[in-house]
Amino acid sequence: MERTRLPSYIIFCFVFLLLFASSCTNSKSQDKINEEPEKQNVNIDELKRALLDNVNDNIWYSGIYSQYYGFQNQKSEIEIYNNPKMPDMIAVIFKKKFKGSIYEEGFEHFYSLQVWKGGKGYSIAGTTMELKEDVLRERKKELGYTFYQEDFIEFGKVTEPEYPPIDAKREETIKDIEAAIPKAMDSWSFKKGIYKVFLRNFKRTENRTYAVIEKVNGKTWILNVSLPDPSEKWKPYGTKFFDISESEWLSYNAKQYMKFAILNKEIKYDGSPYASLEKPVP
């Protein structure tokens, strides 16, 4: 019996369809790979050094008002999470409860620290406290965080922060901050008068520092000062003033900042040009 041969054009169409289907499948797979966010590596040693440093300095300047006050001389296992959709953010969950500031009245909580990786390294960007550890994990999951690694950290006794020596670059930064303070006072409609300025020292790894502005025979404020990354061209600027009479915590901060001031000078301020448009700061 003679076999029936398929016409050549049918064979060609069949092969073409197979190749087309294969191409589509590969294309979809490649698209999926390209859409997959890159999971960043975490430098664990650098991260832990930053946590120890940030927590130490926060307690040093805030004392019993620090939310990390109970971390002193404590150790804990930690869970580290990263977020493929936010590669600059890391979350650290502590598997041990800690006491917080005096405001927590001795209650212990599980802590989660949100850590930002910028041009100056790792720094704490936010803190969450919960009575149940699983609640912290669920929150991280909802925000797109995925488990990265377990590790261990040990906090010691709080010590005085160490600052680098003053070089030409730091002198330039200090002068830029000094020039930024009156501009911030303008924005907040400060009144004309004589003010004392105390600029808290800062580390190369810090993204901000603080200035205490004290009006002679008047009120005292703390000004947040943003510091640029080395790769950025913008200069330091003041962001927000806080009246220290609003809380004991702010008052304590101001005293500590003044003790460790890298700049201490008196300025004659001519008054904000916007004072007629807005109610000036008392």
Protein backbone atom coordinates (compact mmCIF):
# COMPACT_ATOMS: atom_id res chain seq x y z
CA MET A 1 0.00 0.00 0.00
CA GLU A 2 1.48 3.34 -0.99
CA ARG A 3 1.86 5.97 1.77
CA THR A 4 0.21 9.32 1.26
CA ARG A 5 2.80 12.10 1.32
CA LEU A 6 1.90 15.45 2.86
CA PRO A 7 2.32 18.40 0.58
CA SER A 8 5.51 20.37 1.32
CA TYR A 9 3.65 23.59 2.08
CA ILE A 10 1.71 21.85 4.92
CA ILE A 11 4.97 20.63 6.46
CA PHE A 12 6.40 24.14 6.17
CA CYS A 13 3.37 25.69 7.91
CA PHE A 14 3.55 23.13 10.71
CA VAL A 15 7.25 23.82 11.35
CA PHE A 16 6.61 27.57 11.24
CA LEU A 17 3.86 27.31 13.86
CA LEU A 18 6.14 25.28 16.16
CA LEU A 19 8.91 27.85 15.87
CA PHE A 20 6.46 30.72 16.45
CA ALA A 21 4.98 29.08 19.56
CA SER A 22 8.47 28.42 20.92
CA SER A 23 9.45 32.02 20.28
CA CYS A 24 6.38 33.33 22.13
CA THR A 25 7.05 31.07 25.10
CA ASN A 26 10.69 32.18 25.32
CA SER A 27 9.66 35.81 24.96
CA LYS A 28 7.13 35.53 27.79
CA SER A 29 9.68 33.78 29.99
CA GLN A 30 12.25 36.47 29.26
CA ASP A 31 9.69 39.21 29.99
CA LYS A 32 8.94 37.54 33.31
CA ILE A 33 12.66 37.46 34.15
CA ASN A 34 13.04 41.11 33.17
CA GLU A 35 10.06 42.08 35.32
CA GLU A 36 11.45 40.21 38.32
CA PRO A 37 12.84 42.89 40.69
CA GLU A 38 16.48 42.43 41.58
CA LYS A 39 16.99 41.26 45.15
CA GLN A 40 19.81 43.24 46.73
CA ASN A 41 22.55 41.80 48.86
CA VAL A 42 22.81 43.00 52.45
CA ASN A 43 26.18 43.66 54.04
CA ILE A 44 25.34 42.12 57.42
CA ASP A 45 28.44 43.36 59.26
CA GLU A 46 27.99 46.91 57.99
CA LEU A 47 24.28 46.79 58.84
CA LYS A 48 24.91 45.66 62.42
CA ARG A 49 27.60 48.30 62.96
CA ALA A 50 25.16 50.97 61.79
CA LEU A 51 22.42 49.69 64.14
CA LEU A 52 24.78 49.68 67.12
CA ASP A 53 25.99 53.18 66.26
CA ASN A 54 22.52 54.65 65.61
CA VAL A 55 21.02 53.18 68.77
CA ASN A 56 23.98 54.24 70.93
CA ASP A 57 23.84 57.85 69.74
CA ASN A 58 20.06 58.05 70.07
CA ILE A 59 20.26 56.96 73.71
CA TRP A 60 23.21 59.28 74.37
CA TYR A 61 21.31 62.35 73.18
CA SER A 62 17.81 61.37 74.36
CA GLY A 63 18.51 59.50 77.61
CA ILE A 64 15.45 57.97 79.26
CA TYR A 65 13.32 59.50 76.50
CA SER A 66 14.95 57.32 73.82
CA GLN A 67 12.72 54.60 72.40
CA TYR A 68 15.82 52.36 72.43
CA TYR A 69 16.67 53.00 76.08
CA GLY A 70 16.04 49.35 77.01
CA PHE A 71 18.49 48.08 74.38
CA GLN A 72 21.46 48.79 76.63
CA ASN A 73 23.51 45.68 77.54
CA GLN A 74 21.00 43.43 75.77
CA LYS A 75 21.41 40.84 73.02
CA SER A 76 18.96 39.28 70.61
CA GLU A 77 18.55 37.12 67.54
CA ILE A 78 17.39 39.17 64.58
CA GLU A 79 15.55 38.48 61.33
CA ILE A 80 16.64 40.54 58.34
CA TYR A 81 14.24 41.25 55.47
CA ASN A 82 14.72 43.05 52.19
CA ASN A 83 12.23 44.36 49.68
CA PRO A 84 12.77 43.67 45.94
CA LYS A 85 10.45 46.56 45.10
CA MET A 86 12.34 48.96 47.38
CA PRO A 87 16.00 47.90 47.10
CA ASP A 88 17.18 50.73 49.37
CA MET A 89 15.06 49.55 52.31
CA ILE A 90 15.74 46.77 54.82
CA ALA A 91 13.73 45.63 57.84
CA VAL A 92 15.20 44.13 61.00
CA ILE A 93 12.94 42.30 63.47
CA PHE A 94 14.25 41.56 66.97
CA LYS A 95 13.19 38.20 68.42
CA LYS A 96 13.54 39.49 71.98
CA LYS A 97 11.37 42.05 73.74
CA PHE A 98 12.90 45.32 74.92
CA LYS A 99 11.79 48.05 77.25
CA GLY A 100 11.34 51.41 75.57
CA SER A 101 11.50 54.99 76.76
CA ILE A 102 10.05 56.37 79.96
CA TYR A 103 6.83 56.96 78.01
CA GLU A 104 6.30 53.17 77.68
CA GLU A 105 6.21 52.97 81.50
CA GLY A 106 8.27 49.78 81.68
CA PHE A 107 6.28 47.77 79.12
CA GLU A 108 8.28 45.52 76.79
CA HIS A 109 7.70 45.28 73.05
CA PHE A 110 9.04 43.49 70.01
CA TYR A 111 10.86 45.93 67.75
CA SER A 112 11.18 46.25 64.00
CA LEU A 113 13.63 48.78 62.56
CA GLN A 114 13.25 50.12 59.04
CA VAL A 115 16.73 50.76 57.66
CA TRP A 116 17.60 52.89 54.66
CA LYS A 117 20.72 52.28 52.55
CA GLY A 118 21.95 55.60 51.16
CA GLY A 119 25.20 56.99 49.88
CA LYS A 120 26.56 57.18 53.43
CA GLY A 121 25.64 53.62 54.36
CA TYR A 122 22.85 52.17 56.50
CA SER A 123 20.76 54.30 58.87
CA ILE A 124 17.57 53.76 60.88
CA ALA A 125 14.64 55.37 59.07
CA GLY A 126 11.76 54.23 61.29
CA THR A 127 10.76 52.10 64.26
CA THR A 128 7.71 49.91 64.90
CA MET A 129 6.82 48.31 68.24
CA GLU A 130 4.28 45.52 68.84
CA LEU A 131 3.35 43.22 71.71
CA LYS A 132 3.31 40.22 69.33
CA GLU A 133 6.23 39.27 67.11
CA ASP A 134 4.03 37.78 64.37
CA VAL A 135 2.27 41.10 63.85
CA LEU A 136 5.57 42.63 62.77
CA ARG A 137 6.18 39.80 60.31
CA GLU A 138 2.72 40.14 58.81
CA ARG A 139 3.23 43.87 58.33
CA LYS A 140 6.50 43.29 56.53
CA LYS A 141 4.88 40.70 54.30
CA GLU A 142 2.07 43.11 53.41
CA LEU A 143 4.66 45.73 52.46
CA GLY A 144 6.45 43.32 50.13
CA TYR A 145 9.39 42.38 52.35
CA THR A 146 10.89 38.89 52.04
CA PHE A 147 13.03 37.00 54.54
CA TYR A 148 16.76 37.36 53.88
CA GLN A 149 18.74 35.96 56.81
CA GLU A 150 18.89 35.41 60.56
CA ASP A 151 21.72 36.80 62.66
CA PHE A 152 22.60 37.95 66.18
CA ILE A 153 23.34 41.36 67.70
CA GLU A 154 24.57 42.50 71.11
CA PHE A 155 24.28 46.03 72.47
CA GLY A 156 26.71 47.28 75.09
CA LYS A 157 26.87 50.17 77.51
CA VAL A 158 26.12 53.55 75.95
CA THR A 159 29.25 55.55 75.19
CA GLU A 160 29.97 59.09 74.07
CA PRO A 161 29.74 59.38 70.27
CA GLU A 162 33.05 59.68 68.43
CA TYR A 163 33.33 62.33 65.74
CA PRO A 164 35.94 62.76 62.99
CA PRO A 165 38.49 65.59 63.15
CA ILE A 166 37.68 68.85 61.41
CA ASP A 167 39.13 68.99 57.92
CA ALA A 168 38.56 71.34 54.99
CA LYS A 169 35.45 69.46 53.85
CA ARG A 170 33.84 69.58 57.31
CA GLU A 171 34.68 73.27 57.67
CA GLU A 172 32.91 73.92 54.38
CA THR A 173 29.86 71.93 55.53
CA ILE A 174 29.74 73.83 58.85
CA LYS A 175 29.83 77.16 56.99
CA ASP A 176 27.02 75.96 54.70
CA ILE A 177 24.91 75.01 57.72
CA GLU A 178 25.67 78.33 59.38
CA ALA A 179 24.41 80.12 56.25
CA ALA A 180 21.31 77.89 56.07
CA ILE A 181 20.09 78.69 59.60
CA PRO A 182 18.96 82.32 58.96
CA LYS A 183 17.21 81.13 55.77
CA ALA A 184 15.29 78.56 57.81
CA MET A 185 14.43 81.27 60.34
CA ASP A 186 13.11 83.39 57.45
CA SER A 187 10.81 80.57 56.33
CA TRP A 188 9.44 80.19 59.86
CA SER A 189 8.90 83.96 60.30
CA PHE A 190 11.22 84.45 63.26
CA LYS A 191 11.30 87.86 64.93
CA LYS A 192 14.21 90.25 64.90
CA GLY A 193 16.67 89.79 67.75
CA ILE A 194 19.88 88.32 69.11
CA TYR A 195 20.09 84.52 68.97
CA LYS A 196 22.64 81.98 70.15
CA VAL A 197 23.32 79.10 67.77
CA PHE A 198 24.67 75.70 68.84
CA LEU A 199 25.32 73.17 66.07
CA ARG A 200 25.51 69.57 67.23
CA ASN A 201 28.52 67.69 65.89
CA PHE A 202 27.87 65.10 63.17
CA LYS A 203 29.44 62.00 61.64
CA ARG A 204 30.27 61.35 58.01
CA THR A 205 27.61 58.63 57.99
CA GLU A 206 24.79 60.88 59.23
CA ASN A 207 22.10 62.28 56.96
CA ARG A 208 21.10 65.01 59.38
CA THR A 209 22.19 66.92 62.44
CA TYR A 210 20.55 69.45 64.77
CA ALA A 211 21.00 73.09 65.68
CA VAL A 212 19.77 74.66 68.92
CA ILE A 213 18.52 78.22 68.38
CA GLU A 214 18.23 80.16 71.63
CA LYS A 215 16.78 83.65 71.69
CA VAL A 216 18.47 85.85 74.27
CA ASN A 217 15.97 86.22 77.14
CA GLY A 218 13.48 84.20 75.12
CA LYS A 219 12.53 80.76 73.85
CA THR A 220 14.69 77.92 72.52
CA TRP A 221 14.13 75.75 69.44
CA ILE A 222 15.73 72.72 67.83
CA LEU A 223 16.21 72.86 64.06
CA ASN A 224 16.53 69.68 61.98
CA VAL A 225 19.32 70.09 59.43
CA SER A 226 19.50 67.79 56.39
CA LEU A 227 22.98 66.80 55.20
CA PRO A 228 23.66 65.74 51.57
CA ASP A 229 25.26 62.51 50.40
CA PRO A 230 28.82 62.88 49.05
CA SER A 231 27.56 62.36 45.49
CA GLU A 232 24.86 65.05 45.77
CA LYS A 233 25.46 68.68 44.92
CA TRP A 234 22.83 70.37 47.10
CA LYS A 235 23.88 72.10 50.32
CA PRO A 236 22.63 71.50 53.89
CA TYR A 237 19.33 73.11 54.78
CA GLY A 238 17.03 73.43 57.79
CA THR A 239 13.74 71.56 57.59
CA LYS A 240 11.70 72.09 60.76
CA PHE A 241 11.84 73.88 64.12
CA PHE A 242 10.68 72.36 67.40
CA ASP A 243 9.88 74.46 70.47
CA ILE A 244 11.66 72.69 73.35
CA SER A 245 9.04 73.89 75.82
CA GLU A 246 6.62 71.41 74.22
CA SER A 247 8.19 68.37 75.93
CA GLU A 248 10.81 67.27 78.46
CA TRP A 249 12.31 65.08 75.75
CA LEU A 250 13.06 68.06 73.47
CA SER A 251 14.45 70.01 76.40
CA TYR A 252 16.80 67.12 77.24
CA ASN A 253 17.85 66.86 73.58
CA ALA A 254 18.70 70.55 73.44
CA LYS A 255 20.91 70.37 76.53
CA GLN A 256 22.81 67.39 75.11
CA TYR A 257 23.21 69.00 71.68
CA MET A 258 24.60 72.15 73.29
CA LYS A 259 27.16 70.11 75.25
CA PHE A 260 28.51 68.59 72.05
CA ALA A 261 28.31 71.60 69.76
CA ILE A 262 30.80 71.95 66.95
CA LEU A 263 29.66 75.56 66.46
CA ASN A 264 28.69 77.99 69.22
CA LYS A 265 28.09 81.58 68.26
CA GLU A 266 25.78 84.53 68.66
CA ILE A 267 24.02 86.02 65.64
CA LYS A 268 22.11 89.23 65.06
CA TYR A 269 19.00 88.35 63.12
CA ASP A 270 17.17 91.13 61.25
CA GLY A 271 13.80 89.42 61.22
CA SER A 272 11.93 87.41 58.63
CA PRO A 273 10.79 89.20 55.45
CA TYR A 274 7.63 87.09 55.69
CA ALA A 275 6.72 88.25 59.19
CA SER A 276 4.09 90.62 57.81
CA LEU A 277 2.45 87.78 55.87
CA GLU A 278 2.40 85.16 58.61
CA LYS A 279 2.22 85.12 62.36
CA PRO A 280 5.88 85.22 63.46
CA VAL A 281 7.39 82.67 65.81
CA PRO A 282 7.17 84.03 69.39
